Amino acid sequence: MAAGPSVAILDDYQRIAQKTVDWEQAALAVTAFDRHISDVDELVDALDGFEIVVAMRERTPFPAEVLRRLPDLQLLVTTGARNDAIDVAAAAAAGIVVCGTDSLISPTVELTWGLILAVRRHIVAEDVAIRAGGWQTTIGDGLEGCTLGLLGLGRIGSRVATVAQAFGMHTIAWSQNLTVQRAAGLGVTAVSKPALFADADIVSVHLRLSARTRGMVGAAELRSLGPQGSLVNTSRAGIVDREALLDALDTGMLGGAGLDVYEQEPLPADDALRSAPATVVTPHLGYVTRQNYEVFFRGALEDIEAFLDGKPIRVLPAP
């Protein structure tokens, strides 16, 4: 079958895109990039001539400057139903259609608990120790009877709460729009923001990054969480003040942190977070499961076929 429109798939780190769906059967000429391209000029050169681009979540930003320099681009597909790294208004002005896909929330919920358990029971440190010949070098903290504080009680936060309750934990939550009634309906106690950090043993972040949430977790909040407390962030790095977090970890003001998201991704090799004490760090794996990638890439192919048929689906509206 002759190849049709040219499609670029970005940030396919695991080289899974072309194993997930049959792009050739759909008569598409696909090029997958398995490394991140951070330089704007290099990105524009790499995408020159492509009519369709599939972006993996928010790994590669598409501001107005980049979109204006891609005259052949007609369709930009993002995996997931929204993407704050794409200037959708600028795309619309340039005549570029932006579409999303469905996604699973379970992978992020699962990774959140993986990080909580790893931090509280020192799983990574014990793995390293036993491979070096050691045996029982730490004392962990159990979960039953502890308090989990949820910064955000949306789709993901509410699922995390359900698991916490199965562990026998008390669950509390805060967000700017959270009501007592909604929290109670999920078996969660709504509290003030100061109370969340003062009363919780573990705080897990599940908010969208916006102007009002950027830097929301700062030195005062981390100090309140304290040297026996843990912070887990599988949401967006910018919600937590980076320098305050590093200082809290270095001084022992915070007991530990599990981090999956960073201001700059991939995380630079010399970044201080790679060597911060009392941490478990993962490379933004929250959505990275085989099942979720299947949803992403099958949805991307559906978007492309619908667009080529003149009936685009899951179009992201311009603000």
C-alpha atoms as a PDB file:
ATOM      1  CA  MET A   1       0.000   0.000   0.000  1.00  0.00           C
ATOM      2  CA  ALA A   2       1.423   3.366  -0.978  1.00  0.00           C
ATOM      3  CA  ALA A   3       2.412   5.647   1.871  1.00  0.00           C
ATOM      4  CA  GLY A   4       0.140   8.618   2.415  1.00  0.00           C
ATOM      5  CA  PRO A   5       0.493  11.708   4.617  1.00  0.00           C
ATOM      6  CA  SER A   6       3.717  12.071   6.571  1.00  0.00           C
ATOM      7  CA  VAL A   7       3.408  11.599  10.327  1.00  0.00           C
ATOM      8  CA  ALA A   8       6.001  12.415  12.988  1.00  0.00           C
ATOM      9  CA  ILE A   9       5.708  10.754  16.392  1.00  0.00           C
ATOM     10  CA  LEU A  10       7.689  12.612  19.038  1.00  0.00           C
ATOM     11  CA  ASP A  11       9.399  11.462  22.227  1.00  0.00           C
ATOM     12  CA  ASP A  12       8.824   7.756  21.665  1.00  0.00           C
ATOM     13  CA  TYR A  13      11.474   6.909  24.272  1.00  0.00           C
ATOM     14  CA  GLN A  14      10.599   3.227  24.460  1.00  0.00           C
ATOM     15  CA  ARG A  15      10.142   2.805  20.678  1.00  0.00           C
ATOM     16  CA  ILE A  16       6.672   1.418  21.193  1.00  0.00           C
ATOM     17  CA  ALA A  17       4.540   3.560  18.859  1.00  0.00           C
ATOM     18  CA  GLN A  18       5.083   1.470  15.760  1.00  0.00           C
ATOM     19  CA  LYS A  19       4.551  -1.768  17.686  1.00  0.00           C
ATOM     20  CA  THR A  20       1.193  -0.673  19.033  1.00  0.00           C
ATOM     21  CA  VAL A  21      -0.809   0.066  15.871  1.00  0.00           C
ATOM     22  CA  ASP A  22      -0.387  -0.709  12.177  1.00  0.00           C
ATOM     23  CA  TRP A  23       0.425   2.685  10.707  1.00  0.00           C
ATOM     24  CA  GLU A  24       1.345   1.221   7.306  1.00  0.00           C
ATOM     25  CA  GLN A  25      -2.041  -0.470   6.978  1.00  0.00           C
ATOM     26  CA  ALA A  26      -3.523   2.995   7.415  1.00  0.00           C
ATOM     27  CA  ALA A  27      -1.345   4.198   4.496  1.00  0.00           C
ATOM     28  CA  LEU A  28       0.685   6.612   6.609  1.00  0.00           C
ATOM     29  CA  ALA A  29       4.382   7.396   6.265  1.00  0.00           C
ATOM     30  CA  VAL A  30       5.488   7.411   9.887  1.00  0.00           C
ATOM     31  CA  THR A  31       8.747   8.572  11.443  1.00  0.00           C
ATOM     32  CA  ALA A  32       9.169   8.046  15.179  1.00  0.00           C
ATOM     33  CA  PHE A  33      11.708  10.084  17.164  1.00  0.00           C
ATOM     34  CA  ASP A  34      13.008   8.194  20.192  1.00  0.00           C
ATOM     35  CA  ARG A  35      14.963  11.074  21.699  1.00  0.00           C
ATOM     36  CA  HIS A  36      13.722  14.360  23.075  1.00  0.00           C
ATOM     37  CA  ILE A  37      14.457  17.446  20.946  1.00  0.00           C
ATOM     38  CA  SER A  38      14.629  20.452  23.247  1.00  0.00           C
ATOM     39  CA  ASP A  39      16.261  22.979  20.916  1.00  0.00           C
ATOM     40  CA  VAL A  40      13.601  24.949  19.016  1.00  0.00           C
ATOM     41  CA  ASP A  41      15.567  25.286  15.780  1.00  0.00           C
ATOM     42  CA  GLU A  42      16.441  21.585  15.804  1.00  0.00           C
ATOM     43  CA  LEU A  43      12.800  20.707  16.420  1.00  0.00           C
ATOM     44  CA  VAL A  44      11.577  22.875  13.552  1.00  0.00           C
ATOM     45  CA  ASP A  45      14.168  21.339  11.229  1.00  0.00           C
ATOM     46  CA  ALA A  46      13.213  17.818  12.325  1.00  0.00           C
ATOM     47  CA  LEU A  47       9.514  18.448  11.663  1.00  0.00           C
ATOM     48  CA  ASP A  48       9.999  20.231   8.353  1.00  0.00           C
ATOM     49  CA  GLY A  49       7.605  18.792   5.763  1.00  0.00           C
ATOM     50  CA  PHE A  50       5.503  16.736   8.168  1.00  0.00           C
ATOM     51  CA  GLU A  51       1.756  17.194   7.771  1.00  0.00           C
ATOM     52  CA  ILE A  52       0.807  15.433  11.005  1.00  0.00           C
ATOM     53  CA  VAL A  53       2.577  15.369  14.364  1.00  0.00           C
ATOM     54  CA  VAL A  54       1.756  13.142  17.329  1.00  0.00           C
ATOM     55  CA  ALA A  55       3.028  14.582  20.614  1.00  0.00           C
ATOM     56  CA  MET A  56       3.462  12.419  23.694  1.00  0.00           C
ATOM     57  CA  ARG A  57       1.749  14.342  26.486  1.00  0.00           C
ATOM     58  CA  GLU A  58       3.594  17.579  27.282  1.00  0.00           C
ATOM     59  CA  ARG A  59       7.123  16.377  26.587  1.00  0.00           C
ATOM     60  CA  THR A  60       7.586  18.764  23.634  1.00  0.00           C
ATOM     61  CA  PRO A  61       6.107  22.285  23.859  1.00  0.00           C
ATOM     62  CA  PHE A  62       4.374  23.799  20.852  1.00  0.00           C
ATOM     63  CA  PRO A  63       4.213  27.555  21.449  1.00  0.00           C
ATOM     64  CA  ALA A  64       3.129  30.015  18.764  1.00  0.00           C
ATOM     65  CA  GLU A  65       6.742  30.536  17.653  1.00  0.00           C
ATOM     66  CA  VAL A  66       7.154  26.865  16.744  1.00  0.00           C
ATOM     67  CA  LEU A  67       3.739  26.504  15.126  1.00  0.00           C
ATOM     68  CA  ARG A  68       4.334  29.504  12.862  1.00  0.00           C
ATOM     69  CA  ARG A  69       7.520  27.865  11.573  1.00  0.00           C
ATOM     70  CA  LEU A  70       5.771  24.634  10.531  1.00  0.00           C
ATOM     71  CA  PRO A  71       3.822  25.659   7.405  1.00  0.00           C
ATOM     72  CA  ASP A  72       3.135  22.066   6.322  1.00  0.00           C
ATOM     73  CA  LEU A  73       1.603  21.032   9.641  1.00  0.00           C
ATOM     74  CA  GLN A  74      -2.128  20.395   9.396  1.00  0.00           C
ATOM     75  CA  LEU A  75      -2.909  18.167  12.368  1.00  0.00           C
ATOM     76  CA  LEU A  76      -1.322  18.053  15.815  1.00  0.00           C
ATOM     77  CA  VAL A  77      -2.415  15.135  17.997  1.00  0.00           C
ATOM     78  CA  THR A  78      -1.638  15.071  21.685  1.00  0.00           C
ATOM     79  CA  THR A  79      -1.973  11.928  23.724  1.00  0.00           C
ATOM     80  CA  GLY A  80      -4.457  12.639  26.481  1.00  0.00           C
ATOM     81  CA  ALA A  81      -7.430  14.965  26.484  1.00  0.00           C
ATOM     82  CA  ARG A  82      -5.536  18.198  27.196  1.00  0.00           C
ATOM     83  CA  ASN A  83      -2.047  19.582  26.784  1.00  0.00           C
ATOM     84  CA  ASP A  84      -0.889  22.817  28.406  1.00  0.00           C
ATOM     85  CA  ALA A  85       2.311  22.750  26.327  1.00  0.00           C
ATOM     86  CA  ILE A  86       0.381  23.398  23.096  1.00  0.00           C
ATOM     87  CA  ASP A  87      -0.780  26.922  22.247  1.00  0.00           C
ATOM     88  CA  VAL A  88      -4.147  25.798  20.924  1.00  0.00           C
ATOM     89  CA  ALA A  89      -5.217  29.349  20.053  1.00  0.00           C
ATOM     90  CA  ALA A  90      -2.078  29.896  17.974  1.00  0.00           C
ATOM     91  CA  ALA A  91      -2.646  26.554  16.271  1.00  0.00           C
ATOM     92  CA  ALA A  92      -6.198  27.535  15.352  1.00  0.00           C
ATOM     93  CA  ALA A  93      -4.952  30.861  13.986  1.00  0.00           C
ATOM     94  CA  ALA A  94      -2.464  28.955  11.821  1.00  0.00           C
ATOM     95  CA  GLY A  95      -5.148  26.593  10.546  1.00  0.00           C
ATOM     96  CA  ILE A  96      -3.792  23.626  12.499  1.00  0.00           C
ATOM     97  CA  VAL A  97      -6.312  21.230  14.030  1.00  0.00           C
ATOM     98  CA  VAL A  98      -5.387  19.965  17.506  1.00  0.00           C
ATOM     99  CA  CYS A  99      -6.909  16.684  18.700  1.00  0.00           C
ATOM    100  CA  GLY A 100      -6.548  14.635  21.861  1.00  0.00           C
ATOM    101  CA  THR A 101      -7.057  11.015  22.856  1.00  0.00           C
ATOM    102  CA  ASP A 102      -8.552   9.088  25.714  1.00  0.00           C
ATOM    103  CA  SER A 103      -6.283   8.023  28.573  1.00  0.00           C
ATOM    104  CA  LEU A 104      -6.256   5.862  31.683  1.00  0.00           C
ATOM    105  CA  ILE A 105      -5.940   7.358  35.166  1.00  0.00           C
ATOM    106  CA  SER A 106      -5.100   4.061  36.855  1.00  0.00           C
ATOM    107  CA  PRO A 107      -1.376   4.150  35.924  1.00  0.00           C
ATOM    108  CA  THR A 108      -0.842   7.418  37.813  1.00  0.00           C
ATOM    109  CA  VAL A 109      -2.798   6.155  40.806  1.00  0.00           C
ATOM    110  CA  GLU A 110      -0.682   3.010  40.861  1.00  0.00           C
ATOM    111  CA  LEU A 111       2.607   4.879  40.565  1.00  0.00           C
ATOM    112  CA  THR A 112       1.556   7.232  43.356  1.00  0.00           C
ATOM    113  CA  TRP A 113       1.220   4.255  45.647  1.00  0.00           C
ATOM    114  CA  GLY A 114       4.462   2.782  44.375  1.00  0.00           C
ATOM    115  CA  LEU A 115       6.240   5.968  45.427  1.00  0.00           C
ATOM    116  CA  ILE A 116       4.440   6.181  48.771  1.00  0.00           C
ATOM    117  CA  LEU A 117       5.425   2.625  49.648  1.00  0.00           C
ATOM    118  CA  ALA A 118       8.972   3.047  48.345  1.00  0.00           C
ATOM    119  CA  VAL A 119       9.522   6.206  50.394  1.00  0.00           C
ATOM    120  CA  ARG A 120       7.896   5.032  53.624  1.00  0.00           C
ATOM    121  CA  ARG A 121       9.455   1.542  53.612  1.00  0.00           C
ATOM    122  CA  HIS A 122      12.820   2.557  52.095  1.00  0.00           C
ATOM    123  CA  ILE A 123      12.462  -0.065  49.382  1.00  0.00           C
ATOM    124  CA  VAL A 124      15.051   1.430  47.019  1.00  0.00           C
ATOM    125  CA  ALA A 125      17.664   1.950  49.741  1.00  0.00           C
ATOM    126  CA  GLU A 126      17.180  -1.617  50.989  1.00  0.00           C
ATOM    127  CA  ASP A 127      17.456  -3.000  47.460  1.00  0.00           C
ATOM    128  CA  VAL A 128      20.773  -1.194  47.014  1.00  0.00           C
ATOM    129  CA  ALA A 129      21.996  -2.348  50.418  1.00  0.00           C
ATOM    130  CA  ILE A 130      21.152  -6.009  49.973  1.00  0.00           C
ATOM    131  CA  ARG A 131      22.851  -6.090  46.568  1.00  0.00           C
ATOM    132  CA  ALA A 132      25.960  -4.703  48.294  1.00  0.00           C
ATOM    133  CA  GLY A 133      25.887  -7.456  50.913  1.00  0.00           C
ATOM    134  CA  GLY A 134      23.888  -5.630  53.587  1.00  0.00           C
ATOM    135  CA  TRP A 135      20.821  -6.696  55.539  1.00  0.00           C
ATOM    136  CA  GLN A 136      18.052  -4.614  57.194  1.00  0.00           C
ATOM    137  CA  THR A 137      19.672  -1.189  57.214  1.00  0.00           C
ATOM    138  CA  THR A 138      16.560   0.965  57.743  1.00  0.00           C
ATOM    139  CA  ILE A 139      13.356   1.082  59.778  1.00  0.00           C
ATOM    140  CA  GLY A 140      10.272   1.922  57.758  1.00  0.00           C
ATOM    141  CA  ASP A 141       6.991   3.551  58.658  1.00  0.00           C
ATOM    142  CA  GLY A 142       3.727   1.652  58.260  1.00  0.00           C
ATOM    143  CA  LEU A 143       0.626   3.088  56.662  1.00  0.00           C
ATOM    144  CA  GLU A 144      -2.212   1.735  58.786  1.00  0.00           C
ATOM    145  CA  GLY A 145      -3.447   4.405  61.173  1.00  0.00           C
ATOM    146  CA  CYS A 146      -1.505   7.172  59.403  1.00  0.00           C
ATOM    147  CA  THR A 147      -3.045  10.193  57.712  1.00  0.00           C
ATOM    148  CA  LEU A 148      -2.820  10.782  53.986  1.00  0.00           C
ATOM    149  CA  GLY A 149      -3.310  14.379  52.888  1.00  0.00           C
ATOM    150  CA  LEU A 150      -4.507  14.859  49.340  1.00  0.00           C
ATOM    151  CA  LEU A 151      -3.735  18.163  47.679  1.00  0.00           C
ATOM    152  CA  GLY A 152      -6.555  17.862  45.160  1.00  0.00           C
ATOM    153  CA  LEU A 153      -9.435  15.389  45.176  1.00  0.00           C
ATOM    154  CA  GLY A 154     -10.296  15.042  41.505  1.00  0.00           C
ATOM    155  CA  ARG A 155     -10.336  11.899  39.381  1.00  0.00           C
ATOM    156  CA  ILE A 156      -6.878  10.763  40.436  1.00  0.00           C
ATOM    157  CA  GLY A 157      -6.902  12.056  44.004  1.00  0.00           C
ATOM    158  CA  SER A 158     -10.197  10.348  44.773  1.00  0.00           C
ATOM    159  CA  ARG A 159      -8.853   7.010  43.500  1.00  0.00           C
ATOM    160  CA  VAL A 160      -5.731   7.432  45.628  1.00  0.00           C
ATOM    161  CA  ALA A 161      -8.016   8.051  48.614  1.00  0.00           C
ATOM    162  CA  THR A 162      -9.849   4.785  48.025  1.00  0.00           C
ATOM    163  CA  VAL A 163      -6.595   2.834  48.158  1.00  0.00           C
ATOM    164  CA  ALA A 164      -5.536   4.692  51.310  1.00  0.00           C
ATOM    165  CA  GLN A 165      -8.742   3.675  53.027  1.00  0.00           C
ATOM    166  CA  ALA A 166      -8.099   0.042  52.074  1.00  0.00           C
ATOM    167  CA  PHE A 167      -4.738   0.390  53.873  1.00  0.00           C
ATOM    168  CA  GLY A 168      -6.581   1.584  56.976  1.00  0.00           C
ATOM    169  CA  MET A 169      -5.441   5.189  56.635  1.00  0.00           C
ATOM    170  CA  HIS A 170      -7.320   8.337  57.541  1.00  0.00           C
ATOM    171  CA  THR A 171      -7.749  10.564  54.467  1.00  0.00           C
ATOM    172  CA  ILE A 172      -7.974  14.343  54.452  1.00  0.00           C
ATOM    173  CA  ALA A 173      -7.973  16.717  51.492  1.00  0.00           C
ATOM    174  CA  TRP A 174      -7.849  20.336  50.425  1.00  0.00           C
ATOM    175  CA  SER A 175      -8.219  22.258  47.215  1.00  0.00           C
ATOM    176  CA  GLN A 176      -9.595  25.707  46.549  1.00  0.00           C
ATOM    177  CA  ASN A 177     -12.934  24.422  45.268  1.00  0.00           C
ATOM    178  CA  LEU A 178     -13.350  21.304  47.377  1.00  0.00           C
ATOM    179  CA  THR A 179     -16.592  21.162  49.368  1.00  0.00           C
ATOM    180  CA  VAL A 180     -17.202  19.343  52.624  1.00  0.00           C
ATOM    181  CA  GLN A 181     -20.025  17.426  50.949  1.00  0.00           C
ATOM    182  CA  ARG A 182     -17.947  16.158  48.029  1.00  0.00           C
ATOM    183  CA  ALA A 183     -15.115  15.064  50.311  1.00  0.00           C
ATOM    184  CA  ALA A 184     -17.485  13.313  52.705  1.00  0.00           C
ATOM    185  CA  GLY A 185     -19.068  11.443  49.814  1.00  0.00           C
ATOM    186  CA  LEU A 186     -15.661   9.875  49.188  1.00  0.00           C
ATOM    187  CA  GLY A 187     -15.012   9.096  52.837  1.00  0.00           C
ATOM    188  CA  VAL A 188     -12.530  11.974  53.039  1.00  0.00           C
ATOM    189  CA  THR A 189     -12.407  14.853  55.505  1.00  0.00           C
ATOM    190  CA  ALA A 190     -12.101  18.313  53.944  1.00  0.00           C
ATOM    191  CA  VAL A 191      -9.656  20.504  55.852  1.00  0.00           C
ATOM    192  CA  SER A 192      -7.891  23.835  55.429  1.00  0.00           C
ATOM    193  CA  LYS A 193      -4.596  23.981  53.583  1.00  0.00           C
ATOM    194  CA  PRO A 194      -2.572  24.638  56.756  1.00  0.00           C
ATOM    195  CA  ALA A 195      -4.322  21.727  58.488  1.00  0.00           C
ATOM    196  CA  LEU A 196      -3.534  19.429  55.570  1.00  0.00           C
ATOM    197  CA  PHE A 197       0.209  19.870  56.012  1.00  0.00           C
ATOM    198  CA  ALA A 198       0.072  19.987  59.811  1.00  0.00           C
ATOM    199  CA  ASP A 199      -2.030  16.852  60.243  1.00  0.00           C
ATOM    200  CA  ALA A 200      -0.869  14.587  57.407  1.00  0.00           C
ATOM    201  CA  ASP A 201       1.920  12.047  57.617  1.00  0.00           C
ATOM    202  CA  ILE A 202       2.065  11.938  53.822  1.00  0.00           C
ATOM    203  CA  VAL A 203       0.906  14.581  51.336  1.00  0.00           C
ATOM    204  CA  SER A 204       0.243  13.540  47.750  1.00  0.00           C
ATOM    205  CA  VAL A 205      -0.160  16.205  45.063  1.00  0.00           C
ATOM    206  CA  HIS A 206      -3.013  15.898  42.557  1.00  0.00           C
ATOM    207  CA  LEU A 207      -3.658  19.396  41.218  1.00  0.00           C
ATOM    208  CA  ARG A 208      -3.389  20.996  37.805  1.00  0.00           C
ATOM    209  CA  LEU A 209      -0.530  23.432  37.352  1.00  0.00           C
ATOM    210  CA  SER A 210      -1.825  26.975  36.898  1.00  0.00           C
ATOM    211  CA  ALA A 211      -0.956  30.492  37.950  1.00  0.00           C
ATOM    212  CA  ARG A 212      -2.727  29.957  41.260  1.00  0.00           C
ATOM    213  CA  THR A 213      -1.144  26.557  42.030  1.00  0.00           C
ATOM    214  CA  ARG A 214       2.445  27.289  40.955  1.00  0.00           C
ATOM    215  CA  GLY A 215       4.684  27.250  44.025  1.00  0.00           C
ATOM    216  CA  MET A 216       1.721  26.362  46.241  1.00  0.00           C
ATOM    217  CA  VAL A 217       3.852  23.956  48.278  1.00  0.00           C
ATOM    218  CA  GLY A 218       6.672  26.043  49.705  1.00  0.00           C
ATOM    219  CA  ALA A 219       8.976  26.186  52.703  1.00  0.00           C
ATOM    220  CA  ALA A 220       6.174  26.804  55.207  1.00  0.00           C
ATOM    221  CA  GLU A 221       4.174  23.803  54.013  1.00  0.00           C
ATOM    222  CA  LEU A 222       7.191  21.486  53.993  1.00  0.00           C
ATOM    223  CA  ARG A 223       8.219  22.663  57.454  1.00  0.00           C
ATOM    224  CA  SER A 224       4.722  21.918  58.692  1.00  0.00           C
ATOM    225  CA  LEU A 225       4.792  18.428  57.152  1.00  0.00           C
ATOM    226  CA  GLY A 226       7.965  17.923  59.126  1.00  0.00           C
ATOM    227  CA  PRO A 227      10.898  15.540  59.512  1.00  0.00           C
ATOM    228  CA  GLN A 228       8.641  12.491  59.841  1.00  0.00           C
ATOM    229  CA  GLY A 229       6.481  13.511  56.892  1.00  0.00           C
ATOM    230  CA  SER A 230       6.648  12.568  53.215  1.00  0.00           C
ATOM    231  CA  LEU A 231       5.699  14.411  50.040  1.00  0.00           C
ATOM    232  CA  VAL A 232       4.736  12.604  46.837  1.00  0.00           C
ATOM    233  CA  ASN A 233       4.276  14.448  43.549  1.00  0.00           C
ATOM    234  CA  THR A 234       3.014  12.704  40.425  1.00  0.00           C
ATOM    235  CA  SER A 235       1.189  15.805  39.166  1.00  0.00           C
ATOM    236  CA  ARG A 236       3.320  18.765  38.036  1.00  0.00           C
ATOM    237  CA  ALA A 237       6.689  19.862  39.370  1.00  0.00           C
ATOM    238  CA  GLY A 238       5.846  23.562  39.398  1.00  0.00           C
ATOM    239  CA  ILE A 239       3.285  23.099  42.172  1.00  0.00           C
ATOM    240  CA  VAL A 240       6.165  22.478  44.585  1.00  0.00           C
ATOM    241  CA  ASP A 241       8.821  25.157  45.141  1.00  0.00           C
ATOM    242  CA  ARG A 242      11.944  23.373  43.925  1.00  0.00           C
ATOM    243  CA  GLU A 243      14.492  25.254  46.041  1.00  0.00           C
ATOM    244  CA  ALA A 244      12.357  24.935  49.156  1.00  0.00           C
ATOM    245  CA  LEU A 245      12.052  21.195  48.548  1.00  0.00           C
ATOM    246  CA  LEU A 246      15.800  20.732  48.046  1.00  0.00           C
ATOM    247  CA  ASP A 247      16.521  22.723  51.199  1.00  0.00           C
ATOM    248  CA  ALA A 248      13.964  20.759  53.221  1.00  0.00           C
ATOM    249  CA  LEU A 249      15.500  17.466  52.094  1.00  0.00           C
ATOM    250  CA  ASP A 250      19.111  18.579  52.601  1.00  0.00           C
ATOM    251  CA  THR A 251      18.441  19.854  56.135  1.00  0.00           C
ATOM    252  CA  GLY A 252      16.182  16.990  57.199  1.00  0.00           C
ATOM    253  CA  MET A 253      13.271  19.366  57.668  1.00  0.00           C
ATOM    254  CA  LEU A 254      11.255  16.956  55.476  1.00  0.00           C
ATOM    255  CA  GLY A 255      11.360  13.226  56.041  1.00  0.00           C
ATOM    256  CA  GLY A 256      11.307  12.169  52.407  1.00  0.00           C
ATOM    257  CA  ALA A 257       9.888  12.685  48.934  1.00  0.00           C
ATOM    258  CA  GLY A 258       8.739  10.589  46.005  1.00  0.00           C
ATOM    259  CA  LEU A 259       8.979  12.524  42.758  1.00  0.00           C
ATOM    260  CA  ASP A 260       7.894  11.650  39.231  1.00  0.00           C
ATOM    261  CA  VAL A 261       7.721  15.135  37.662  1.00  0.00           C
ATOM    262  CA  TYR A 262      10.296  17.858  37.061  1.00  0.00           C
ATOM    263  CA  GLU A 263      10.455  21.407  35.748  1.00  0.00           C
ATOM    264  CA  GLN A 264      12.857  20.296  33.014  1.00  0.00           C
ATOM    265  CA  GLU A 265      12.375  16.903  31.398  1.00  0.00           C
ATOM    266  CA  PRO A 266      14.332  14.798  30.749  1.00  0.00           C
ATOM    267  CA  LEU A 267      15.987  15.701  34.039  1.00  0.00           C
ATOM    268  CA  PRO A 268      19.544  16.983  33.396  1.00  0.00           C
ATOM    269  CA  ALA A 269      22.294  14.586  34.424  1.00  0.00           C
ATOM    270  CA  ASP A 270      23.707  17.072  36.947  1.00  0.00           C
ATOM    271  CA  ASP A 271      20.367  18.087  38.465  1.00  0.00           C
ATOM    272  CA  ALA A 272      20.456  18.298  42.258  1.00  0.00           C
ATOM    273  CA  LEU A 273      17.314  16.200  42.563  1.00  0.00           C
ATOM    274  CA  ARG A 274      19.219  13.170  41.247  1.00  0.00           C
ATOM    275  CA  SER A 275      21.331  13.147  44.417  1.00  0.00           C
ATOM    276  CA  ALA A 276      18.911  14.645  46.949  1.00  0.00           C
ATOM    277  CA  PRO A 277      18.722  12.626  50.181  1.00  0.00           C
ATOM    278  CA  ALA A 278      15.638  10.694  51.314  1.00  0.00           C
ATOM    279  CA  THR A 279      14.109  10.589  47.860  1.00  0.00           C
ATOM    280  CA  VAL A 280      12.759   8.106  45.368  1.00  0.00           C
ATOM    281  CA  VAL A 281      12.786   9.622  41.890  1.00  0.00           C
ATOM    282  CA  THR A 282      11.210   8.181  38.752  1.00  0.00           C
ATOM    283  CA  PRO A 283      11.377   9.556  35.162  1.00  0.00           C
ATOM    284  CA  HIS A 284       7.768  10.762  34.728  1.00  0.00           C
ATOM    285  CA  LEU A 285       6.325   7.260  34.604  1.00  0.00           C
ATOM    286  CA  GLY A 286       2.863   8.222  35.857  1.00  0.00           C
ATOM    287  CA  TYR A 287       1.136   7.470  32.559  1.00  0.00           C
ATOM    288  CA  VAL A 288       3.743   5.089  31.124  1.00  0.00           C
ATOM    289  CA  THR A 289       2.182   1.645  30.930  1.00  0.00           C
ATOM    290  CA  ARG A 290       1.701  -0.637  27.967  1.00  0.00           C
ATOM    291  CA  GLN A 291      -2.065  -0.418  28.382  1.00  0.00           C
ATOM    292  CA  ASN A 292      -2.103   3.366  28.415  1.00  0.00           C
ATOM    293  CA  TYR A 293       0.195   3.587  25.390  1.00  0.00           C
ATOM    294  CA  GLU A 294      -2.212   1.348  23.519  1.00  0.00           C
ATOM    295  CA  VAL A 295      -5.025   3.780  24.350  1.00  0.00           C
ATOM    296  CA  PHE A 296      -2.842   6.723  23.312  1.00  0.00           C
ATOM    297  CA  PHE A 297      -1.628   5.441  19.960  1.00  0.00           C
ATOM    298  CA  ARG A 298      -4.858   3.773  18.918  1.00  0.00           C
ATOM    299  CA  GLY A 299      -6.606   7.031  19.710  1.00  0.00           C
ATOM    300  CA  ALA A 300      -4.004   8.995  17.753  1.00  0.00           C
ATOM    301  CA  LEU A 301      -4.567   6.779  14.715  1.00  0.00           C
ATOM    302  CA  GLU A 302      -8.341   7.241  15.047  1.00  0.00           C
ATOM    303  CA  ASP A 303      -7.809  11.014  15.189  1.00  0.00           C
ATOM    304  CA  ILE A 304      -5.659  10.954  12.070  1.00  0.00           C
ATOM    305  CA  GLU A 305      -8.061   8.796  10.071  1.00  0.00           C
ATOM    306  CA  ALA A 306     -11.033  10.948  11.086  1.00  0.00           C
ATOM    307  CA  PHE A 307      -9.142  14.116  10.124  1.00  0.00           C
ATOM    308  CA  LEU A 308      -8.185  12.699   6.737  1.00  0.00           C
ATOM    309  CA  ASP A 309     -11.843  11.748   6.256  1.00  0.00           C
ATOM    310  CA  GLY A 310     -12.807  15.375   6.830  1.00  0.00           C
ATOM    311  CA  LYS A 311     -14.526  14.660  10.154  1.00  0.00           C
ATOM    312  CA  PRO A 312     -12.029  15.369  12.926  1.00  0.00           C
ATOM    313  CA  ILE A 313     -12.802  13.994  16.374  1.00  0.00           C
ATOM    314  CA  ARG A 314     -11.758  14.924  19.925  1.00  0.00           C
ATOM    315  CA  VAL A 315     -10.778  18.409  18.762  1.00  0.00           C
ATOM    316  CA  LEU A 316      -9.311  20.577  21.500  1.00  0.00           C
ATOM    317  CA  PRO A 317     -11.121  23.921  21.480  1.00  0.00           C
ATOM    318  CA  ALA A 318      -9.116  27.121  21.329  1.00  0.00           C
ATOM    319  CA  PRO A 319      -9.495  29.193  24.516  1.00  0.00           C
END
